[in-house]
Protein backbone atom coordinates (compact mmCIF):
# COMPACT_ATOMS: atom_id res chain seq x y z
CA UNK A 1 0.00 0.00 0.00
CA UNK A 2 2.86 2.36 0.73
CA UNK A 3 4.20 1.75 -2.78
CA UNK A 4 0.79 2.60 -4.27
CA UNK A 5 0.53 5.87 -2.34
CA UNK A 6 4.12 6.78 -3.27
CA UNK A 7 3.47 6.10 -6.97
CA UNK A 8 0.27 8.14 -7.08
CA UNK A 9 1.92 11.05 -5.27
CA UNK A 10 4.85 11.01 -7.70
CA UNK A 11 2.46 10.91 -10.65
CA UNK A 12 0.53 13.91 -9.35
CA UNK A 13 3.73 15.88 -8.79
CA UNK A 14 4.96 15.11 -12.32
CA UNK A 15 1.66 16.06 -13.94
CA UNK A 16 1.70 19.37 -12.09
CA UNK A 17 4.83 20.32 -14.05
CA UNK A 18 3.08 20.00 -17.42
CA UNK A 19 1.53 23.46 -17.72
CA UNK A 20 2.75 24.23 -21.26
CA UNK A 21 6.31 24.93 -20.14
CA UNK A 22 8.50 25.84 -23.07
CA UNK A 23 11.04 23.12 -23.75
CA UNK A 24 14.74 23.41 -24.41
CA UNK A 25 14.55 20.30 -26.59
CA UNK A 26 14.57 20.49 -30.36
CA UNK A 27 12.31 18.37 -32.54
CA UNK A 28 14.53 15.49 -33.76
CA UNK A 29 11.93 13.04 -35.10
CA UNK A 30 8.63 14.24 -36.55
CA UNK A 31 5.61 12.14 -35.70
CA UNK A 32 2.44 13.75 -37.06
CA UNK A 33 1.02 17.22 -37.15
CA UNK A 34 2.93 19.43 -34.73
CA UNK A 35 4.12 16.54 -32.56
CA UNK A 36 7.64 15.13 -32.51
CA UNK A 37 10.27 13.51 -30.28
CA UNK A 38 13.16 15.37 -28.73
CA UNK A 39 15.24 12.28 -27.76
CA UNK A 40 14.01 9.50 -30.09
CA UNK A 41 17.08 7.29 -29.41
CA UNK A 42 15.59 6.53 -25.98
CA UNK A 43 13.07 4.29 -27.78
CA UNK A 44 15.94 1.79 -28.13
CA UNK A 45 15.28 0.93 -24.46
CA UNK A 46 11.83 -0.50 -25.33
CA UNK A 47 13.09 -3.95 -26.55
CA UNK A 48 15.35 -4.21 -23.50
CA UNK A 49 12.48 -3.39 -21.14
CA UNK A 50 10.27 -5.93 -22.90
CA UNK A 51 12.96 -8.65 -22.65
CA UNK A 52 13.58 -8.01 -18.94
CA UNK A 53 9.83 -8.05 -18.29
CA UNK A 54 9.38 -11.40 -20.08
CA UNK A 55 12.26 -13.00 -18.14
CA UNK A 56 10.83 -11.64 -14.87
CA UNK A 57 7.40 -13.10 -15.66
CA UNK A 58 8.83 -16.53 -16.46
CA UNK A 59 10.79 -16.55 -13.23
CA UNK A 60 7.74 -15.54 -11.23
CA UNK A 61 5.55 -18.25 -12.79
CA UNK A 62 8.07 -21.13 -12.50
CA UNK A 63 7.39 -22.12 -8.82
CA UNK A 64 3.65 -22.00 -9.32
CA UNK A 65 3.83 -24.24 -12.44
CA UNK A 66 6.17 -26.69 -10.71
CA UNK A 67 3.85 -27.12 -7.79
CA UNK A 68 0.72 -27.41 -9.86
CA UNK A 69 1.57 -30.73 -11.60
CA UNK A 70 1.49 -33.07 -8.56
CA UNK A 71 -1.38 -31.10 -7.15
CA UNK A 72 -3.40 -31.57 -10.32
CA UNK A 73 -2.51 -35.28 -10.40
CA UNK A 74 -3.76 -35.66 -6.85
CA UNK A 75 -7.03 -33.98 -7.81
CA UNK A 76 -6.48 -31.15 -5.38
CA UNK A 77 -6.74 -28.34 -7.99
CA UNK A 78 -9.77 -27.42 -10.04
CA UNK A 79 -9.68 -26.54 -13.74
CA UNK A 80 -11.26 -23.11 -13.14
CA UNK A 81 -9.33 -19.89 -12.43
CA UNK A 82 -9.68 -17.94 -9.22
CA UNK A 83 -9.88 -14.14 -9.23
CA UNK A 84 -6.32 -14.07 -7.89
CA UNK A 85 -5.13 -16.05 -10.93
CA UNK A 86 -6.85 -13.54 -13.21
CA UNK A 87 -5.35 -10.58 -11.30
CA UNK A 88 -1.72 -11.58 -11.77
CA UNK A 89 -1.55 -11.33 -15.62
CA UNK A 90 -3.68 -8.18 -15.52
CA UNK A 91 -1.29 -6.56 -13.04
CA UNK A 92 1.69 -7.77 -15.07
CA UNK A 93 0.17 -6.21 -18.21
CA UNK A 94 -0.30 -2.89 -16.41
CA UNK A 95 3.32 -3.08 -15.30
CA UNK A 96 4.50 -3.58 -18.91
CA UNK A 97 2.36 -0.72 -20.22
CA UNK A 98 3.65 1.54 -17.45
CA UNK A 99 7.29 0.68 -18.11
CA UNK A 100 6.90 1.26 -21.85
CA UNK A 101 5.17 4.55 -21.03
CA UNK A 102 8.24 5.59 -19.03
CA UNK A 103 10.39 4.79 -22.07
CA UNK A 104 8.09 6.91 -24.24
CA UNK A 105 8.44 9.77 -21.74
CA UNK A 106 12.25 9.43 -21.89
CA UNK A 107 11.99 9.91 -25.67
CA UNK A 108 10.71 13.41 -24.74
CA UNK A 109 7.61 14.03 -26.85
CA UNK A 110 7.11 17.70 -27.64
CA UNK A 111 4.56 19.84 -29.42
CA UNK A 112 5.89 22.60 -31.60
CA UNK A 113 4.55 25.80 -33.12
CA UNK A 114 6.48 26.95 -36.15
CA UNK A 115 6.75 30.65 -36.83
CA UNK A 116 7.87 32.21 -40.10
CA UNK A 117 8.89 35.79 -40.63
CA UNK A 118 9.86 37.47 -43.87
CA UNK A 119 12.55 40.05 -43.41
CA UNK A 120 14.19 42.32 -45.91
CA UNK A 121 16.68 45.10 -45.74
CA UNK A 122 13.90 47.18 -47.20
CA UNK A 123 13.57 50.50 -48.97
CA UNK A 124 13.04 53.86 -47.30
CA UNK A 125 10.80 56.00 -49.48
CA UNK A 126 9.90 59.69 -49.54
CA UNK A 127 6.84 60.77 -51.49
CA UNK A 128 7.62 64.31 -52.65
CA UNK A 129 4.43 65.89 -54.02
CA UNK A 130 3.82 69.25 -55.67
CA UNK A 131 0.92 71.15 -54.10
CA UNK A 132 1.15 74.36 -56.13
CA UNK A 133 -2.09 76.01 -57.25
CA UNK A 134 -1.84 74.49 -60.74
CA UNK A 135 -2.58 71.10 -59.18
CA UNK A 136 -6.23 72.25 -59.10
CA UNK A 137 -6.70 71.59 -62.83
CA UNK A 138 -9.06 68.71 -63.61
CA UNK A 139 -7.45 67.25 -66.71
CA UNK A 140 -6.30 63.85 -65.42
CA UNK A 141 -9.69 62.52 -64.32
CA UNK A 142 -13.06 64.23 -64.82
CA UNK A 143 -14.32 65.82 -61.62
CA UNK A 144 -11.00 65.39 -59.81
CA UNK A 145 -8.16 67.83 -59.41
CA UNK A 146 -4.65 66.74 -60.24
CA UNK A 147 -3.84 66.77 -56.54
CA UNK A 148 -6.82 64.52 -55.70
CA UNK A 149 -5.74 62.01 -58.33
CA UNK A 150 -2.16 62.08 -57.08
CA UNK A 151 -3.21 61.61 -53.47
CA UNK A 152 -5.31 58.58 -54.39
CA UNK A 153 -2.68 56.87 -56.54
CA UNK A 154 0.36 57.75 -54.39
CA UNK A 155 -1.56 56.70 -51.28
CA UNK A 156 -2.28 53.27 -52.77
CA UNK A 157 1.41 52.90 -53.68
CA UNK A 158 2.51 53.84 -50.16
CA UNK A 159 0.00 51.44 -48.60
CA UNK A 160 1.28 48.54 -50.70
CA UNK A 161 4.85 49.23 -49.67
CA UNK A 162 4.08 49.73 -45.98
CA UNK A 163 1.81 46.71 -45.52
CA UNK A 164 4.10 44.27 -47.30
CA UNK A 165 1.84 43.72 -50.31
CA UNK A 166 4.83 44.36 -52.57
CA UNK A 167 6.87 41.67 -50.80
CA UNK A 168 8.55 43.92 -48.26
CA UNK A 169 7.53 46.40 -45.59
CA UNK A 170 9.02 49.82 -46.17
CA UNK A 171 9.13 53.07 -44.25
CA UNK A 172 7.47 55.91 -46.13
CA UNK A 173 7.69 59.66 -45.47
CA UNK A 174 5.75 62.53 -47.05
CA UNK A 175 7.18 65.85 -48.23
CA UNK A 176 5.11 68.47 -50.05
CA UNK A 177 6.25 71.62 -51.77
CA UNK A 178 5.01 74.70 -53.58
CA UNK A 179 7.26 77.68 -52.93
CA UNK A 180 8.41 76.14 -49.65
CA UNK A 181 8.96 72.45 -48.82
CA UNK A 182 7.38 70.84 -45.80
CA UNK A 183 8.00 67.48 -44.11
CA UNK A 184 4.36 66.54 -43.52
CA UNK A 185 5.01 63.03 -42.17
CA UNK A 186 8.39 61.57 -41.15
CA UNK A 187 9.24 58.02 -42.15
CA UNK A 188 6.80 55.53 -40.68
CA UNK A 189 5.36 52.04 -41.06
CA UNK A 190 1.94 53.26 -39.90
CA UNK A 191 -0.05 53.29 -43.12
CA UNK A 192 -3.10 54.87 -41.49
CA UNK A 193 -1.05 57.76 -40.16
CA UNK A 194 0.62 58.49 -43.49
CA UNK A 195 -2.64 58.24 -45.44
CA UNK A 196 -4.25 60.61 -42.96
CA UNK A 197 -1.49 63.19 -43.46
CA UNK A 198 -1.67 62.74 -47.23
CA UNK A 199 -5.41 63.29 -47.24
CA UNK A 200 -4.96 66.56 -45.34
CA UNK A 201 -2.61 68.09 -47.95
CA UNK A 202 -4.09 71.25 -49.48
CA UNK A 203 -3.07 73.26 -52.55
CA UNK A 204 -1.28 76.55 -52.14
CA UNK A 205 -3.48 79.60 -52.64
CA UNK A 206 -2.90 81.13 -56.09
CA UNK A 207 -1.04 84.42 -56.41
CA UNK A 208 0.37 84.26 -52.89
CA UNK A 209 3.88 84.03 -51.50
CA UNK A 210 3.44 80.34 -50.74
CA UNK A 211 2.53 79.48 -54.34
CA UNK A 212 5.05 78.42 -56.97
CA UNK A 213 7.02 75.31 -57.99
CA UNK A 214 10.30 74.83 -56.13
CA UNK A 215 11.38 71.39 -57.32
CA UNK A 216 14.95 71.85 -56.05
CA UNK A 217 13.81 72.81 -52.55
CA UNK A 218 11.34 69.91 -52.41
CA UNK A 219 14.02 67.41 -53.38
CA UNK A 220 16.58 68.85 -50.97
CA UNK A 221 14.09 68.52 -48.10
CA UNK A 222 13.34 64.93 -49.12
CA UNK A 223 17.04 64.04 -49.14
CA UNK A 224 17.39 65.54 -45.66
CA UNK A 225 14.51 63.34 -44.46
CA UNK A 226 16.50 60.25 -45.56
CA UNK A 227 19.81 61.32 -44.07
CA UNK A 228 19.50 59.12 -40.96
CA UNK A 229 18.15 56.13 -42.88
CA UNK A 230 20.00 52.79 -42.54
CA UNK A 231 18.05 51.13 -45.35
CA UNK A 232 19.80 49.35 -48.19
CA UNK A 233 17.96 51.50 -50.70
CA UNK A 234 16.76 55.10 -50.32
CA UNK A 235 14.47 56.61 -52.92
CA UNK A 236 12.46 59.77 -53.55
CA UNK A 237 9.39 59.69 -55.80
CA UNK A 238 9.06 63.32 -56.84
CA UNK A 239 5.89 64.41 -58.63
CA UNK A 240 5.23 67.80 -60.15
CA UNK A 241 2.95 69.21 -62.82
CA UNK A 242 5.20 72.01 -64.01
CA UNK A 243 8.58 73.49 -64.46
CA UNK A 244 10.61 75.15 -61.70
CA UNK A 245 9.50 78.71 -60.97
CA UNK A 246 11.19 79.18 -57.58
CA UNK A 247 14.93 78.70 -57.62
CA UNK A 248 16.23 79.14 -54.09
CA UNK A 249 17.81 75.72 -54.72
CA UNK A 250 18.40 74.67 -58.31
CA UNK A 251 17.12 71.18 -59.24
CA UNK A 252 20.59 70.28 -60.57
CA UNK A 253 22.12 71.21 -57.21
CA UNK A 254 19.52 69.13 -55.34
CA UNK A 255 20.22 66.21 -57.69
CA UNK A 256 23.93 66.30 -56.88
CA UNK A 257 23.04 66.37 -53.18
CA UNK A 258 20.84 63.29 -53.61
CA UNK A 259 23.59 61.51 -55.52
CA UNK A 260 26.13 62.21 -52.77
CA UNK A 261 23.73 60.82 -50.16
CA UNK A 262 23.04 57.65 -52.16
CA UNK A 263 19.42 58.61 -52.82
CA UNK A 264 17.83 57.50 -56.07
CA UNK A 265 15.14 59.82 -57.47
CA UNK A 266 12.18 58.85 -59.64
CA UNK A 267 10.47 61.85 -61.22
CA UNK A 268 6.92 62.04 -62.55
CA UNK A 269 5.52 64.87 -64.65
CA UNK A 270 1.74 64.79 -64.16
CA UNK A 271 -0.99 66.60 -66.12
CA UNK A 272 -2.50 66.41 -69.59
CA UNK A 273 -2.46 70.03 -70.72
CA UNK A 274 -0.59 73.22 -70.18
CA UNK A 275 -2.64 76.34 -69.54
CA UNK A 276 -2.27 79.94 -70.62
CA UNK A 277 -4.13 83.12 -69.82
CA UNK A 278 -6.42 84.33 -72.60
CA UNK A 279 -7.74 87.88 -72.52
CA UNK A 280 -11.25 86.84 -73.46
CA UNK A 281 -11.55 83.29 -72.16
CA UNK A 282 -9.32 83.34 -69.11
CA UNK A 283 -7.29 80.15 -68.55
CA UNK A 284 -7.42 77.85 -71.55
CA UNK A 285 -5.84 74.45 -72.13
CA UNK A 286 -3.18 74.11 -74.82
CA UNK A 287 -1.47 71.16 -76.42
CA UNK A 288 2.00 72.54 -75.75
CA UNK A 289 4.11 70.14 -73.69
CA UNK A 290 6.04 71.31 -70.69
CA UNK A 291 9.80 71.20 -70.87
CA UNK A 292 10.70 67.97 -69.02
CA UNK A 293 14.46 68.28 -69.49
CA UNK A 294 15.05 69.34 -65.89
CA UNK A 295 13.05 66.44 -64.44
CA UNK A 296 14.72 63.94 -66.77
CA UNK A 297 18.21 65.12 -65.84
CA UNK A 298 17.35 65.01 -62.17
CA UNK A 299 16.36 61.33 -62.43
CA UNK A 300 19.33 60.45 -64.63
CA UNK A 301 21.86 62.06 -62.28
CA UNK A 302 20.65 59.99 -59.32
CA UNK A 303 20.19 56.68 -61.15
CA UNK A 304 16.41 56.87 -61.23
CA UNK A 305 13.88 57.14 -64.06
CA UNK A 306 11.59 59.79 -65.48
CA UNK A 307 7.89 59.13 -66.10
CA UNK A 308 5.15 61.09 -67.83
CA UNK A 309 1.50 60.71 -66.80
CA UNK A 310 -1.37 62.52 -68.49
CA UNK A 311 -4.26 60.69 -66.77
CA UNK A 312 -5.00 58.59 -63.70
CA UNK A 313 -4.38 55.26 -65.43
CA UNK A 314 -0.98 56.40 -66.69
CA UNK A 315 -0.09 57.66 -63.22
CA UNK A 316 -1.01 54.27 -61.72
CA UNK A 317 1.28 52.65 -64.28
CA UNK A 318 4.11 54.98 -63.24
CA UNK A 319 3.87 54.05 -59.56
CA UNK A 320 3.46 50.35 -60.47
CA UNK A 321 6.68 50.52 -62.51
CA UNK A 322 8.53 52.08 -59.57
CA UNK A 323 7.07 49.38 -57.35
CA UNK A 324 8.58 46.69 -59.60
CA UNK A 325 11.92 48.44 -59.91
CA UNK A 326 12.42 48.82 -56.16
CA UNK A 327 12.49 45.25 -54.92
CA UNK A 328 14.89 43.93 -52.32
CA UNK A 329 15.82 40.34 -51.57
CA UNK A 330 13.80 38.78 -48.81
CA UNK A 331 15.13 36.55 -46.09
CA UNK A 332 12.84 33.90 -44.68
CA UNK A 333 13.46 33.34 -40.98
CA UNK A 334 11.92 30.33 -39.27
CA UNK A 335 11.97 29.20 -35.69
CA UNK A 336 10.13 26.52 -33.74
CA UNK A 337 8.96 26.87 -30.16
CA UNK A 338 8.55 23.47 -28.48
CA UNK A 339 6.64 22.47 -25.36
CA UNK A 340 7.29 19.33 -23.32
CA UNK A 341 4.55 16.68 -23.27
CA UNK A 342 6.43 13.97 -21.38
CA UNK A 343 4.85 14.79 -17.97
CA UNK A 344 1.43 13.81 -19.35
CA UNK A 345 2.83 10.39 -20.30
CA UNK A 346 5.17 9.89 -17.35
CA UNK A 347 2.50 10.59 -14.71
CA UNK A 348 0.02 7.85 -15.72
CA UNK A 349 2.92 5.48 -16.54
CA UNK A 350 4.34 5.79 -13.02
CA UNK A 351 0.86 5.37 -11.57
CA UNK A 352 0.37 2.15 -13.55
CA UNK A 353 3.72 0.75 -12.43
CA UNK A 354 3.01 1.61 -8.80
CA UNK A 355 -0.46 0.06 -9.00
CA UNK A 356 0.87 -3.09 -10.66
CA UNK A 357 3.63 -3.56 -8.12
CA UNK A 358 1.20 -3.04 -5.26
CA UNK A 359 -1.12 -5.67 -6.71
CA UNK A 360 1.65 -8.18 -7.43
CA UNK A 361 3.21 -7.85 -3.97
CA UNK A 362 -0.07 -8.13 -2.07
CA UNK A 363 -3.07 -9.84 -3.60
CA UNK A 364 -1.37 -11.34 -6.62
CA UNK A 365 1.47 -12.84 -4.58
CA UNK A 366 -0.77 -15.37 -2.85
CA UNK A 367 -2.41 -16.63 -6.03
CA UNK A 368 -2.43 -20.47 -6.10
């Protein structure tokens, strides 16, 4: 009885340690699903345990068999089995199952949860957007100003890059310019924050000091926003609908600055028409193209590309092309967290062994 109590107490103590404790074992032999063995070589003990158990059973049965022959000849034994005779093989079977359960526990079964993370060195991006008063023209999409179209398309591009839909998660910042540049949103991975800032961008009031097109100043401010970046690739996507009219910083000077800082610049000239003032009709659209030489040189100097977009679809194609051009290699990182399951096997196994030994050394021992 003392053995039984000791076995049950040990089983309870072992089971109490099985509260999903993370294991230091690694999965060495996969079983099924998320289950595996940490020390599968311990299963080699199973044949040895089975052999020892069989030899022990033969030794235990030998005296009883020897004594039963003369007794049977003398007619002193009946052909039926007593409940004690039934108990012995049942207890012996429990003992074997318990011992094999201990071997299984030594093999250290574990459950594992595999985690996968995609990492990349990434691209830090600055959206540099013209907000001069000319961005009010509605020639890229009926009923929408140029600025509204740009905010929609550039916002979708930024969201793809920030949420990993392009294969990598990138920091994106927002700079706007008219006469003066402004860092509206510093680099961030928070897509909602950046889209909120982008939505709040307003055009400069016409014929005021803040109006104008200072491409050089806008680019210089964008390069400054990337100065602390540790990303493998740093790019500025600069969009304007006109030529430079404010020259505090020349575009060529800003381009050289970007080149020295390792910043690649993609330039987009947006808008379908140019406009001129007519005495009778006011502002009228013309088919004359803007001079894109400055924007093309800016992109070429920094290793980027120049794009021309005269409607919303073409602008989407421009950002999609930049999306494809700016890809970085991804690194797939995997790790497995394992949790020990052996206490759930060891506890009932020890209980079975203790119960079997108690039965064999008490009731089963006196079986005829």
